[in-house]
Amino acid sequence: MYLFGASGHGKVVAEIAELLQLKIAAFVDQDRSKKELLGYEVIHELLEESLEMFIAIGQNGTRKKIAEQYAAASYPLLIHPQTAISTRTIFFEGTVVMAGVSVNAGVKIGKHCIINTNASIDHDCVLEDFVHISPNAALAGDVKVGEGSHVGIGTCVIQGITIGKWCTIGAGTVVIRDVPDGATVVGNPGRIIKKAK
């Protein structure tokens, strides 16, 4: 398996892959100054597209572009062994779940998502593709998060909320109202400070 992205997020993904006893062939990174990470070689291009890889990049839009570029690749699901995840959770390919995460019954998590350290996702939540739930963020039951949205570290989202596509929820925000597509929300209670044009 190749890990696309030789930076901090790539280190965490690599260690999860190691815990799962998956063989890492190399990291892939376009930065030609990078030669090695965690004892693995860093290469700068892939010669074939139909191989097993994992996109270890935190930026949601970049992950989407790479997934589209390498649509023929196969993408594993990486779940840290130290998690509390309902057997009734539905996962899709290319998603990583970090240590300490809790996921309750009826949750659906899309492709190429990041569920980061100690995040909590309660029953019946739906996360679309390319979502990032940051460390210590908590989603109450029946929350929906649209494609590409980033829920910041320590965020709390009350039950039944819908967060639109490609939103940014700032660190420590308390979300008590639905969030439209492309909005940036901060504060307690959360307020919109910017909307996509």
Foldseek 3Di string as FASTA:
>chain_A
DEEEDQDDLSVQQVVLCVVVVHDYQAYEYCPPVDADHPRGGYHHDDPDQQEEYAYRDLQLVVVVVVCVVSVNYFAAEGERPAEAEDPQEAEDGREYEGHQEYEEHQEYAEHNEYHEANEYHYHNEYEYPSEYEYACEYEYEQEYEEAREYAAACEYEYYPEYEYHNEYEYHNEYDDHHHYHQFYWYDVPTDTPDHDD
